[in-house]
Amino acid sequence: MSNAQQFLMFIGIMSCIILIFCTFIYLLMKLYMFVVKSTIKNSKLTDERLTKMYNNMKVSKDNKSKLIILAIVTGIFCGGVFGGIFYYFLYKKIFSNTYELYKQGMIERNLPL
């Protein structure tokens, strides 16, 4: 095989690895959202615990350096630069969705935001 074919094969394999890993993280994200939503709905969380988790997620959602570091580490191990950029937006979505779930739980229980 020529060098060009080897390079294109490498790009294809890396793209497949990134796609598989992103799909796995997406499925884990959906599972986590389902668990959080059912836990809040079934009142398995105390008000104090829900308030603490909401405040922690509020800090994490606004902390861009945490998102960037998490995306860089994931990008190094699974996907390189383009994977890191993709993971940044995926993690940003995870944090914002989790924050919204906790916020809705706080509103349903009439707790102060």
PDB file of N, CA and C in Angstrom:
ATOM      1  N   MET A   1       0.836  -1.180   0.000  1.00  0.00           N
ATOM      2  CA  MET A   1       0.000   0.000   0.000  1.00  0.00           C
ATOM      3  C   MET A   1       0.877   1.239   0.000  1.00  0.00           C
ATOM      4  N   SER A   2       0.382   2.245  -0.651  1.00  0.00           N
ATOM      5  CA  SER A   2       1.135   3.487  -0.688  1.00  0.00           C
ATOM      6  C   SER A   2       0.915   4.268   0.599  1.00  0.00           C
ATOM      7  N   ASN A   3       1.719   5.304   0.749  1.00  0.00           N
ATOM      8  CA  ASN A   3       1.612   6.137   1.956  1.00  0.00           C
ATOM      9  C   ASN A   3       0.265   6.851   2.036  1.00  0.00           C
ATOM     10  N   ALA A   4      -0.267   7.276   0.898  1.00  0.00           N
ATOM     11  CA  ALA A   4      -1.554   7.970   0.882  1.00  0.00           C
ATOM     12  C   ALA A   4      -2.672   7.033   1.341  1.00  0.00           C
ATOM     13  N   GLN A   5      -2.634   5.773   0.873  1.00  0.00           N
ATOM     14  CA  GLN A   5      -3.655   4.816   1.282  1.00  0.00           C
ATOM     15  C   GLN A   5      -3.552   4.506   2.772  1.00  0.00           C
ATOM     16  N   GLN A   6      -2.331   4.391   3.276  1.00  0.00           N
ATOM     17  CA  GLN A   6      -2.147   4.135   4.698  1.00  0.00           C
ATOM     18  C   GLN A   6      -2.668   5.312   5.535  1.00  0.00           C
ATOM     19  N   PHE A   7      -2.407   6.521   5.067  1.00  0.00           N
ATOM     20  CA  PHE A   7      -2.878   7.709   5.777  1.00  0.00           C
ATOM     21  C   PHE A   7      -4.403   7.766   5.795  1.00  0.00           C
ATOM     22  N   LEU A   8      -5.041   7.509   4.651  1.00  0.00           N
ATOM     23  CA  LEU A   8      -6.500   7.523   4.589  1.00  0.00           C
ATOM     24  C   LEU A   8      -7.100   6.408   5.445  1.00  0.00           C
ATOM     25  N   MET A   9      -6.446   5.252   5.490  1.00  0.00           N
ATOM     26  CA  MET A   9      -6.923   4.169   6.333  1.00  0.00           C
ATOM     27  C   MET A   9      -6.808   4.559   7.812  1.00  0.00           C
ATOM     28  N   PHE A  10      -5.733   5.224   8.172  1.00  0.00           N
ATOM     29  CA  PHE A  10      -5.549   5.699   9.543  1.00  0.00           C
ATOM     30  C   PHE A  10      -6.640   6.695   9.918  1.00  0.00           C
ATOM     31  N   ILE A  11      -6.937   7.625   9.021  1.00  0.00           N
ATOM     32  CA  ILE A  11      -7.996   8.616   9.267  1.00  0.00           C
ATOM     33  C   ILE A  11      -9.339   7.910   9.445  1.00  0.00           C
ATOM     34  N   GLY A  12      -9.628   6.936   8.616  1.00  0.00           N
ATOM     35  CA  GLY A  12     -10.888   6.189   8.719  1.00  0.00           C
ATOM     36  C   GLY A  12     -11.002   5.413  10.016  1.00  0.00           C
ATOM     37  N   ILE A  13      -9.931   4.754  10.422  1.00  0.00           N
ATOM     38  CA  ILE A  13      -9.946   3.985  11.664  1.00  0.00           C
ATOM     39  C   ILE A  13     -10.114   4.914  12.866  1.00  0.00           C
ATOM     40  N   MET A  14      -9.403   6.030  12.883  1.00  0.00           N
ATOM     41  CA  MET A  14      -9.530   6.978  13.993  1.00  0.00           C
ATOM     42  C   MET A  14     -10.941   7.574  14.050  1.00  0.00           C
ATOM     43  N   SER A  15     -11.531   7.838  12.884  1.00  0.00           N
ATOM     44  CA  SER A  15     -12.899   8.359  12.857  1.00  0.00           C
ATOM     45  C   SER A  15     -13.877   7.340  13.425  1.00  0.00           C
ATOM     46  N   CYS A  16     -13.681   6.084  13.102  1.00  0.00           N
ATOM     47  CA  CYS A  16     -14.551   5.030  13.652  1.00  0.00           C
ATOM     48  C   CYS A  16     -14.388   4.919  15.163  1.00  0.00           C
ATOM     49  N   ILE A  17     -13.161   5.005  15.648  1.00  0.00           N
ATOM     50  CA  ILE A  17     -12.919   4.934  17.091  1.00  0.00           C
ATOM     51  C   ILE A  17     -13.597   6.110  17.796  1.00  0.00           C
ATOM     52  N   ILE A  18     -13.460   7.309  17.242  1.00  0.00           N
ATOM     53  CA  ILE A  18     -14.104   8.488  17.829  1.00  0.00           C
ATOM     54  C   ILE A  18     -15.614   8.320  17.819  1.00  0.00           C
ATOM     55  N   LEU A  19     -16.169   7.842  16.725  1.00  0.00           N
ATOM     56  CA  LEU A  19     -17.611   7.665  16.616  1.00  0.00           C
ATOM     57  C   LEU A  19     -18.127   6.638  17.627  1.00  0.00           C
ATOM     58  N   ILE A  20     -17.432   5.529  17.778  1.00  0.00           N
ATOM     59  CA  ILE A  20     -17.849   4.495  18.724  1.00  0.00           C
ATOM     60  C   ILE A  20     -17.778   5.028  20.152  1.00  0.00           C
ATOM     61  N   PHE A  21     -16.700   5.712  20.497  1.00  0.00           N
ATOM     62  CA  PHE A  21     -16.552   6.232  21.846  1.00  0.00           C
ATOM     63  C   PHE A  21     -17.578   7.314  22.143  1.00  0.00           C
ATOM     64  N   CYS A  22     -17.850   8.171  21.167  1.00  0.00           N
ATOM     65  CA  CYS A  22     -18.861   9.219  21.362  1.00  0.00           C
ATOM     66  C   CYS A  22     -20.251   8.622  21.523  1.00  0.00           C
ATOM     67  N   THR A  23     -20.543   7.578  20.775  1.00  0.00           N
ATOM     68  CA  THR A  23     -21.830   6.901  20.918  1.00  0.00           C
ATOM     69  C   THR A  23     -21.957   6.283  22.303  1.00  0.00           C
ATOM     70  N   PHE A  24     -20.882   5.681  22.785  1.00  0.00           N
ATOM     71  CA  PHE A  24     -20.875   5.098  24.122  1.00  0.00           C
ATOM     72  C   PHE A  24     -21.106   6.162  25.184  1.00  0.00           C
ATOM     73  N   ILE A  25     -20.431   7.297  25.074  1.00  0.00           N
ATOM     74  CA  ILE A  25     -20.600   8.381  26.045  1.00  0.00           C
ATOM     75  C   ILE A  25     -22.007   8.959  25.948  1.00  0.00           C
ATOM     76  N   TYR A  26     -22.544   9.052  24.752  1.00  0.00           N
ATOM     77  CA  TYR A  26     -23.905   9.561  24.577  1.00  0.00           C
ATOM     78  C   TYR A  26     -24.919   8.635  25.254  1.00  0.00           C
ATOM     79  N   LEU A  27     -24.742   7.327  25.087  1.00  0.00           N
ATOM     80  CA  LEU A  27     -25.646   6.382  25.739  1.00  0.00           C
ATOM     81  C   LEU A  27     -25.522   6.452  27.260  1.00  0.00           C
ATOM     82  N   LEU A  28     -24.301   6.593  27.759  1.00  0.00           N
ATOM     83  CA  LEU A  28     -24.114   6.766  29.197  1.00  0.00           C
ATOM     84  C   LEU A  28     -24.771   8.048  29.689  1.00  0.00           C
ATOM     85  N   MET A  29     -24.693   9.105  28.879  1.00  0.00           N
ATOM     86  CA  MET A  29     -25.318  10.369  29.235  1.00  0.00           C
ATOM     87  C   MET A  29     -26.830  10.199  29.341  1.00  0.00           C
ATOM     88  N   LYS A  30     -27.439   9.527  28.391  1.00  0.00           N
ATOM     89  CA  LYS A  30     -28.881   9.308  28.425  1.00  0.00           C
ATOM     90  C   LYS A  30     -29.281   8.457  29.629  1.00  0.00           C
ATOM     91  N   LEU A  31     -28.488   7.434  29.933  1.00  0.00           N
ATOM     92  CA  LEU A  31     -28.761   6.602  31.097  1.00  0.00           C
ATOM     93  C   LEU A  31     -28.650   7.407  32.384  1.00  0.00           C
ATOM     94  N   TYR A  32     -27.624   8.240  32.490  1.00  0.00           N
ATOM     95  CA  TYR A  32     -27.439   9.078  33.671  1.00  0.00           C
ATOM     96  C   TYR A  32     -28.592  10.062  33.827  1.00  0.00           C
ATOM     97  N   MET A  33     -29.033  10.672  32.729  1.00  0.00           N
ATOM     98  CA  MET A  33     -30.150  11.612  32.789  1.00  0.00           C
ATOM     99  C   MET A  33     -31.423  10.896  33.247  1.00  0.00           C
ATOM    100  N   PHE A  34     -31.632   9.683  32.769  1.00  0.00           N
ATOM    101  CA  PHE A  34     -32.810   8.913  33.176  1.00  0.00           C
ATOM    102  C   PHE A  34     -32.765   8.596  34.666  1.00  0.00           C
ATOM    103  N   VAL A  35     -31.589   8.197  35.159  1.00  0.00           N
ATOM    104  CA  VAL A  35     -31.451   7.870  36.575  1.00  0.00           C
ATOM    105  C   VAL A  35     -31.669   9.108  37.447  1.00  0.00           C
ATOM    106  N   VAL A  36     -31.086  10.233  37.060  1.00  0.00           N
ATOM    107  CA  VAL A  36     -31.260  11.469  37.832  1.00  0.00           C
ATOM    108  C   VAL A  36     -32.718  11.892  37.836  1.00  0.00           C
ATOM    109  N   LYS A  37     -33.358  11.835  36.671  1.00  0.00           N
ATOM    110  CA  LYS A  37     -34.754  12.246  36.573  1.00  0.00           C
ATOM    111  C   LYS A  37     -35.646  11.346  37.430  1.00  0.00           C
ATOM    112  N   SER A  38     -35.423  10.039  37.375  1.00  0.00           N
ATOM    113  CA  SER A  38     -36.268   9.134  38.173  1.00  0.00           C
ATOM    114  C   SER A  38     -35.976   9.286  39.664  1.00  0.00           C
ATOM    115  N   THR A  39     -34.737   9.561  40.032  1.00  0.00           N
ATOM    116  CA  THR A  39     -34.399   9.757  41.437  1.00  0.00           C
ATOM    117  C   THR A  39     -35.075  11.001  41.996  1.00  0.00           C
ATOM    118  N   ILE A  40     -35.075  12.063  41.227  1.00  0.00           N
ATOM    119  CA  ILE A  40     -35.729  13.304  41.664  1.00  0.00           C
ATOM    120  C   ILE A  40     -37.244  13.110  41.705  1.00  0.00           C
ATOM    121  N   LYS A  41     -37.787  12.447  40.699  1.00  0.00           N
ATOM    122  CA  LYS A  41     -39.235  12.267  40.625  1.00  0.00           C
ATOM    123  C   LYS A  41     -39.746  11.386  41.760  1.00  0.00           C
ATOM    124  N   ASN A  42     -39.006  10.352  42.125  1.00  0.00           N
ATOM    125  CA  ASN A  42     -39.435   9.435  43.180  1.00  0.00           C
ATOM    126  C   ASN A  42     -39.085   9.932  44.577  1.00  0.00           C
ATOM    127  N   SER A  43     -38.538  11.131  44.671  1.00  0.00           N
ATOM    128  CA  SER A  43     -38.171  11.767  45.946  1.00  0.00           C
ATOM    129  C   SER A  43     -37.193  10.926  46.755  1.00  0.00           C
ATOM    130  N   LYS A  44     -36.263  10.284  46.082  1.00  0.00           N
ATOM    131  CA  LYS A  44     -35.228   9.528  46.777  1.00  0.00           C
ATOM    132  C   LYS A  44     -34.105  10.438  47.264  1.00  0.00           C
ATOM    133  N   LEU A  45     -34.054  11.658  46.730  1.00  0.00           N
ATOM    134  CA  LEU A  45     -33.070  12.650  47.163  1.00  0.00           C
ATOM    135  C   LEU A  45     -33.705  13.543  48.225  1.00  0.00           C
ATOM    136  N   THR A  46     -32.964  13.789  49.279  1.00  0.00           N
ATOM    137  CA  THR A  46     -33.459  14.742  50.266  1.00  0.00           C
ATOM    138  C   THR A  46     -33.303  16.152  49.695  1.00  0.00           C
ATOM    139  N   ASP A  47     -33.983  17.092  50.306  1.00  0.00           N
ATOM    140  CA  ASP A  47     -33.901  18.476  49.848  1.00  0.00           C
ATOM    141  C   ASP A  47     -32.484  19.020  49.986  1.00  0.00           C
ATOM    142  N   GLU A  48     -31.805  18.663  51.067  1.00  0.00           N
ATOM    143  CA  GLU A  48     -30.434  19.145  51.277  1.00  0.00           C
ATOM    144  C   GLU A  48     -29.495  18.593  50.215  1.00  0.00           C
ATOM    145  N   ARG A  49     -29.648  17.309  49.918  1.00  0.00           N
ATOM    146  CA  ARG A  49     -28.787  16.663  48.906  1.00  0.00           C
ATOM    147  C   ARG A  49     -29.058  17.256  47.524  1.00  0.00           C
ATOM    148  N   LEU A  50     -30.323  17.470  47.201  1.00  0.00           N
ATOM    149  CA  LEU A  50     -30.674  18.065  45.911  1.00  0.00           C
ATOM    150  C   LEU A  50     -30.111  19.472  45.794  1.00  0.00           C
ATOM    151  N   THR A  51     -30.196  20.258  46.856  1.00  0.00           N
ATOM    152  CA  THR A  51     -29.639  21.614  46.843  1.00  0.00           C
ATOM    153  C   THR A  51     -28.130  21.579  46.659  1.00  0.00           C
ATOM    154  N   LYS A  52     -27.458  20.652  47.347  1.00  0.00           N
ATOM    155  CA  LYS A  52     -26.007  20.531  47.216  1.00  0.00           C
ATOM    156  C   LYS A  52     -25.612  20.122  45.804  1.00  0.00           C
ATOM    157  N   MET A  53     -26.313  19.154  45.231  1.00  0.00           N
ATOM    158  CA  MET A  53     -26.003  18.715  43.868  1.00  0.00           C
ATOM    159  C   MET A  53     -26.289  19.812  42.850  1.00  0.00           C
ATOM    160  N   TYR A  54     -27.361  20.563  43.067  1.00  0.00           N
ATOM    161  CA  TYR A  54     -27.683  21.684  42.174  1.00  0.00           C
ATOM    162  C   TYR A  54     -26.578  22.741  42.218  1.00  0.00           C
ATOM    163  N   ASN A  55     -26.129  23.096  43.419  1.00  0.00           N
ATOM    164  CA  ASN A  55     -25.080  24.108  43.542  1.00  0.00           C
ATOM    165  C   ASN A  55     -23.760  23.625  42.940  1.00  0.00           C
ATOM    166  N   ASN A  56     -23.420  22.348  43.133  1.00  0.00           N
ATOM    167  CA  ASN A  56     -22.199  21.807  42.527  1.00  0.00           C
ATOM    168  C   ASN A  56     -22.284  21.824  41.003  1.00  0.00           C
ATOM    169  N   MET A  57     -23.445  21.470  40.466  1.00  0.00           N
ATOM    170  CA  MET A  57     -23.594  21.455  39.011  1.00  0.00           C
ATOM    171  C   MET A  57     -23.606  22.869  38.453  1.00  0.00           C
ATOM    172  N   LYS A  58     -24.127  23.822  39.220  1.00  0.00           N
ATOM    173  CA  LYS A  58     -24.129  25.214  38.780  1.00  0.00           C
ATOM    174  C   LYS A  58     -22.698  25.719  38.630  1.00  0.00           C
ATOM    175  N   VAL A  59     -21.834  25.363  39.582  1.00  0.00           N
ATOM    176  CA  VAL A  59     -20.424  25.756  39.510  1.00  0.00           C
ATOM    177  C   VAL A  59     -19.729  25.042  38.350  1.00  0.00           C
ATOM    178  N   SER A  60     -20.008  23.754  38.175  1.00  0.00           N
ATOM    179  CA  SER A  60     -19.368  22.987  37.104  1.00  0.00           C
ATOM    180  C   SER A  60     -19.815  23.455  35.730  1.00  0.00           C
ATOM    181  N   LYS A  61     -21.091  23.839  35.613  1.00  0.00           N
ATOM    182  CA  LYS A  61     -21.607  24.272  34.313  1.00  0.00           C
ATOM    183  C   LYS A  61     -20.936  25.562  33.854  1.00  0.00           C
ATOM    184  N   ASP A  62     -20.663  26.451  34.790  1.00  0.00           N
ATOM    185  CA  ASP A  62     -20.066  27.736  34.446  1.00  0.00           C
ATOM    186  C   ASP A  62     -18.542  27.690  34.366  1.00  0.00           C
ATOM    187  N   ASN A  63     -17.925  26.595  34.793  1.00  0.00           N
ATOM    188  CA  ASN A  63     -16.477  26.481  34.830  1.00  0.00           C
ATOM    189  C   ASN A  63     -15.962  25.941  33.494  1.00  0.00           C
ATOM    190  N   LYS A  64     -15.554  26.831  32.610  1.00  0.00           N
ATOM    191  CA  LYS A  64     -15.092  26.419  31.288  1.00  0.00           C
ATOM    192  C   LYS A  64     -13.744  25.718  31.330  1.00  0.00           C
ATOM    193  N   SER A  65     -12.916  26.036  32.314  1.00  0.00           N
ATOM    194  CA  SER A  65     -11.610  25.382  32.383  1.00  0.00           C
ATOM    195  C   SER A  65     -11.766  23.889  32.676  1.00  0.00           C
ATOM    196  N   LYS A  66     -12.745  23.525  33.477  1.00  0.00           N
ATOM    197  CA  LYS A  66     -12.996  22.112  33.757  1.00  0.00           C
ATOM    198  C   LYS A  66     -13.433  21.384  32.484  1.00  0.00           C
ATOM    199  N   LEU A  67     -14.294  22.015  31.704  1.00  0.00           N
ATOM    200  CA  LEU A  67     -14.724  21.427  30.437  1.00  0.00           C
ATOM    201  C   LEU A  67     -13.559  21.260  29.473  1.00  0.00           C
ATOM    202  N   ILE A  68     -12.718  22.278  29.375  1.00  0.00           N
ATOM    203  CA  ILE A  68     -11.590  22.232  28.446  1.00  0.00           C
ATOM    204  C   ILE A  68     -10.610  21.143  28.855  1.00  0.00           C
ATOM    205  N   ILE A  69     -10.300  21.045  30.146  1.00  0.00           N
ATOM    206  CA  ILE A  69      -9.358  20.016  30.614  1.00  0.00           C
ATOM    207  C   ILE A  69      -9.931  18.626  30.365  1.00  0.00           C
ATOM    208  N   LEU A  70     -11.205  18.432  30.644  1.00  0.00           N
ATOM    209  CA  LEU A  70     -11.839  17.144  30.410  1.00  0.00           C
ATOM    210  C   LEU A  70     -11.829  16.783  28.924  1.00  0.00           C
ATOM    211  N   ALA A  71     -12.095  17.762  28.058  1.00  0.00           N
ATOM    212  CA  ALA A  71     -12.082  17.514  26.618  1.00  0.00           C
ATOM    213  C   ALA A  71     -10.668  17.220  26.118  1.00  0.00           C
ATOM    214  N   ILE A  72      -9.663  17.907  26.646  1.00  0.00           N
ATOM    215  CA  ILE A  72      -8.280  17.662  26.223  1.00  0.00           C
ATOM    216  C   ILE A  72      -7.832  16.265  26.622  1.00  0.00           C
ATOM    217  N   VAL A  73      -8.121  15.880  27.858  1.00  0.00           N
ATOM    218  CA  VAL A  73      -7.722  14.547  28.315  1.00  0.00           C
ATOM    219  C   VAL A  73      -8.412  13.470  27.492  1.00  0.00           C
ATOM    220  N   THR A  74      -9.706  13.628  27.261  1.00  0.00           N
ATOM    221  CA  THR A  74     -10.427  12.649  26.445  1.00  0.00           C
ATOM    222  C   THR A  74      -9.915  12.665  25.012  1.00  0.00           C
ATOM    223  N   GLY A  75      -9.627  13.848  24.481  1.00  0.00           N
ATOM    224  CA  GLY A  75      -9.103  13.950  23.129  1.00  0.00           C
ATOM    225  C   GLY A  75      -7.742  13.293  22.981  1.00  0.00           C
ATOM    226  N   ILE A  76      -6.896  13.399  23.995  1.00  0.00           N
ATOM    227  CA  ILE A  76      -5.575  12.767  23.939  1.00  0.00           C
ATOM    228  C   ILE A  76      -5.717  11.256  23.859  1.00  0.00           C
ATOM    229  N   PHE A  77      -6.612  10.696  24.665  1.00  0.00           N
ATOM    230  CA  PHE A  77      -6.742   9.249  24.704  1.00  0.00           C
ATOM    231  C   PHE A  77      -7.627   8.688  23.602  1.00  0.00           C
ATOM    232  N   CYS A  78      -8.566   9.473  23.116  1.00  0.00           N
ATOM    233  CA  CYS A  78      -9.530   8.946  22.143  1.00  0.00           C
ATOM    234  C   CYS A  78      -9.878   9.983  21.087  1.00  0.00           C
ATOM    235  N   GLY A  79      -9.011  10.248  20.163  1.00  0.00           N
ATOM    236  CA  GLY A  79      -9.459  11.021  19.027  1.00  0.00           C
ATOM    237  C   GLY A  79      -8.648  12.211  18.599  1.00  0.00           C
ATOM    238  N   GLY A  80      -7.673  12.626  19.325  1.00  0.00           N
ATOM    239  CA  GLY A  80      -6.868  13.740  18.883  1.00  0.00           C
ATOM    240  C   GLY A  80      -7.577  15.074  18.993  1.00  0.00           C
ATOM    241  N   VAL A  81      -7.159  16.020  18.177  1.00  0.00           N
ATOM    242  CA  VAL A  81      -7.663  17.392  18.251  1.00  0.00           C
ATOM    243  C   VAL A  81      -9.142  17.469  17.900  1.00  0.00           C
ATOM    244  N   PHE A  82      -9.539  16.834  16.804  1.00  0.00           N
ATOM    245  CA  PHE A  82     -10.941  16.918  16.392  1.00  0.00           C
ATOM    246  C   PHE A  82     -11.842  16.195  17.386  1.00  0.00           C
ATOM    247  N   GLY A  83     -11.368  15.094  17.937  1.00  0.00           N
ATOM    248  CA  GLY A  83     -12.119  14.398  18.976  1.00  0.00           C
ATOM    249  C   GLY A  83     -12.266  15.264  20.213  1.00  0.00           C
ATOM    250  N   GLY A  84     -11.206  15.977  20.603  1.00  0.00           N
ATOM    251  CA  GLY A  84     -11.259  16.853  21.766  1.00  0.00           C
ATOM    252  C   GLY A  84     -12.272  17.963  21.592  1.00  0.00           C
ATOM    253  N   ILE A  85     -12.337  18.520  20.403  1.00  0.00           N
ATOM    254  CA  ILE A  85     -13.319  19.575  20.124  1.00  0.00           C
ATOM    255  C   ILE A  85     -14.732  19.008  20.210  1.00  0.00           C
ATOM    256  N   PHE A  86     -14.928  17.834  19.639  1.00  0.00           N
ATOM    257  CA  PHE A  86     -16.241  17.201  19.690  1.00  0.00           C
ATOM    258  C   PHE A  86     -16.631  16.860  21.128  1.00  0.00           C
ATOM    259  N   TYR A  87     -15.680  16.328  21.901  1.00  0.00           N
ATOM    260  CA  TYR A  87     -15.960  15.976  23.292  1.00  0.00           C
ATOM    261  C   TYR A  87     -16.270  17.218  24.126  1.00  0.00           C
ATOM    262  N   TYR A  88     -15.644  18.350  23.799  1.00  0.00           N
ATOM    263  CA  TYR A  88     -15.928  19.589  24.524  1.00  0.00           C
ATOM    264  C   TYR A  88     -17.418  19.919  24.428  1.00  0.00           C
ATOM    265  N   PHE A  89     -17.968  19.870  23.217  1.00  0.00           N
ATOM    266  CA  PHE A  89     -19.379  20.194  23.042  1.00  0.00           C
ATOM    267  C   PHE A  89     -20.277  19.118  23.653  1.00  0.00           C
ATOM    268  N   LEU A  90     -19.847  17.861  23.615  1.00  0.00           N
ATOM    269  CA  LEU A  90     -20.624  16.793  24.217  1.00  0.00           C
ATOM    270  C   LEU A  90     -20.678  16.940  25.735  1.00  0.00           C
ATOM    271  N   TYR A  91     -19.540  17.213  26.361  1.00  0.00           N
ATOM    272  CA  TYR A  91     -19.515  17.403  27.813  1.00  0.00           C
ATOM    273  C   TYR A  91     -20.269  18.657  28.225  1.00  0.00           C
ATOM    274  N   LYS A  92     -20.207  19.685  27.402  1.00  0.00           N
ATOM    275  CA  LYS A  92     -20.956  20.907  27.687  1.00  0.00           C
ATOM    276  C   LYS A  92     -22.452  20.609  27.699  1.00  0.00           C
ATOM    277  N   LYS A  93     -22.891  19.779  26.766  1.00  0.00           N
ATOM    278  CA  LYS A  93     -24.293  19.391  26.714  1.00  0.00           C
ATOM    279  C   LYS A  93     -24.671  18.547  27.931  1.00  0.00           C
ATOM    280  N   ILE A  94     -23.799  17.636  28.332  1.00  0.00           N
ATOM    281  CA  ILE A  94     -24.058  16.806  29.504  1.00  0.00           C
ATOM    282  C   ILE A  94     -24.227  17.681  30.745  1.00  0.00           C
ATOM    283  N   PHE A  95     -23.298  18.610  30.947  1.00  0.00           N
ATOM    284  CA  PHE A  95     -23.361  19.467  32.129  1.00  0.00           C
ATOM    285  C   PHE A  95     -24.606  20.342  32.114  1.00  0.00           C
ATOM    286  N   SER A  96     -24.943  20.901  30.961  1.00  0.00           N
ATOM    287  CA  SER A  96     -26.120  21.783  30.910  1.00  0.00           C
ATOM    288  C   SER A  96     -27.415  21.002  31.096  1.00  0.00           C
ATOM    289  N   ASN A  97     -27.508  19.783  30.541  1.00  0.00           N
ATOM    290  CA  ASN A  97     -28.712  18.971  30.730  1.00  0.00           C
ATOM    291  C   ASN A  97     -28.878  18.547  32.184  1.00  0.00           C
ATOM    292  N   THR A  98     -27.782  18.163  32.818  1.00  0.00           N
ATOM    293  CA  THR A  98     -27.851  17.773  34.222  1.00  0.00           C
ATOM    294  C   THR A  98     -28.247  18.961  35.091  1.00  0.00           C
ATOM    295  N   TYR A  99     -27.689  20.109  34.785  1.00  0.00           N
ATOM    296  CA  TYR A  99     -28.044  21.326  35.522  1.00  0.00           C
ATOM    297  C   TYR A  99     -29.538  21.612  35.398  1.00  0.00           C
ATOM    298  N   GLU A 100     -30.077  21.475  34.199  1.00  0.00           N
ATOM    299  CA  GLU A 100     -31.504  21.726  33.988  1.00  0.00           C
ATOM    300  C   GLU A 100     -32.372  20.731  34.753  1.00  0.00           C
ATOM    301  N   LEU A 101     -31.940  19.461  34.833  1.00  0.00           N
ATOM    302  CA  LEU A 101     -32.699  18.478  35.607  1.00  0.00           C
ATOM    303  C   LEU A 101     -32.739  18.852  37.081  1.00  0.00           C
ATOM    304  N   TYR A 102     -31.583  19.228  37.630  1.00  0.00           N
ATOM    305  CA  TYR A 102     -31.549  19.630  39.036  1.00  0.00           C
ATOM    306  C   TYR A 102     -32.358  20.910  39.263  1.00  0.00           C
ATOM    307  N   LYS A 103     -32.301  21.814  38.316  1.00  0.00           N
ATOM    308  CA  LYS A 103     -33.066  23.058  38.432  1.00  0.00           C
ATOM    309  C   LYS A 103     -34.567  22.774  38.437  1.00  0.00           C
ATOM    310  N   GLN A 104     -35.021  21.886  37.554  1.00  0.00           N
ATOM    311  CA  GLN A 104     -36.432  21.526  37.528  1.00  0.00           C
ATOM    312  C   GLN A 104     -36.856  20.836  38.826  1.00  0.00           C
ATOM    313  N   GLY A 105     -35.962  20.002  39.373  1.00  0.00           N
ATOM    314  CA  GLY A 105     -36.253  19.362  40.647  1.00  0.00           C
ATOM    315  C   GLY A 105     -36.376  20.375  41.773  1.00  0.00           C
ATOM    316  N   MET A 106     -35.505  21.392  41.752  1.00  0.00           N
ATOM    317  CA  MET A 106     -35.578  22.449  42.775  1.00  0.00           C
ATOM    318  C   MET A 106     -36.880  23.235  42.631  1.00  0.00           C
ATOM    319  N   ILE A 107     -37.289  23.514  41.403  1.00  0.00           N
ATOM    320  CA  ILE A 107     -38.521  24.263  41.178  1.00  0.00           C
ATOM    321  C   ILE A 107     -39.731  23.442  41.613  1.00  0.00           C
ATOM    322  N   GLU A 108     -39.745  22.138  41.299  1.00  0.00           N
ATOM    323  CA  GLU A 108     -40.879  21.288  41.676  1.00  0.00           C
ATOM    324  C   GLU A 108     -41.036  21.197  43.201  1.00  0.00           C
ATOM    325  N   ARG A 109     -39.930  21.219  43.923  1.00  0.00           N
ATOM    326  CA  ARG A 109     -39.992  21.118  45.380  1.00  0.00           C
ATOM    327  C   ARG A 109     -40.062  22.483  46.063  1.00  0.00           C
ATOM    328  N   ASN A 110     -40.122  23.539  45.298  1.00  0.00           N
ATOM    329  CA  ASN A 110     -40.212  24.905  45.812  1.00  0.00           C
ATOM    330  C   ASN A 110     -39.019  25.253  46.713  1.00  0.00           C
ATOM    331  N   LEU A 111     -37.836  24.858  46.294  1.00  0.00           N
ATOM    332  CA  LEU A 111     -36.623  25.196  47.026  1.00  0.00           C
ATOM    333  C   LEU A 111     -36.019  26.443  46.408  1.00  0.00           C
ATOM    334  N   PRO A 112     -35.299  27.240  47.185  1.00  0.00           N
ATOM    335  CA  PRO A 112     -34.714  28.469  46.626  1.00  0.00           C
ATOM    336  C   PRO A 112     -33.556  28.146  45.677  1.00  0.00           C
ATOM    337  N   LEU A 113     -33.539  28.836  44.559  1.00  0.00           N
ATOM    338  CA  LEU A 113     -32.451  28.658  43.592  1.00  0.00           C
ATOM    339  C   LEU A 113     -31.337  29.543  44.014  1.00  0.00           C
TER     340      LEU A 113
END
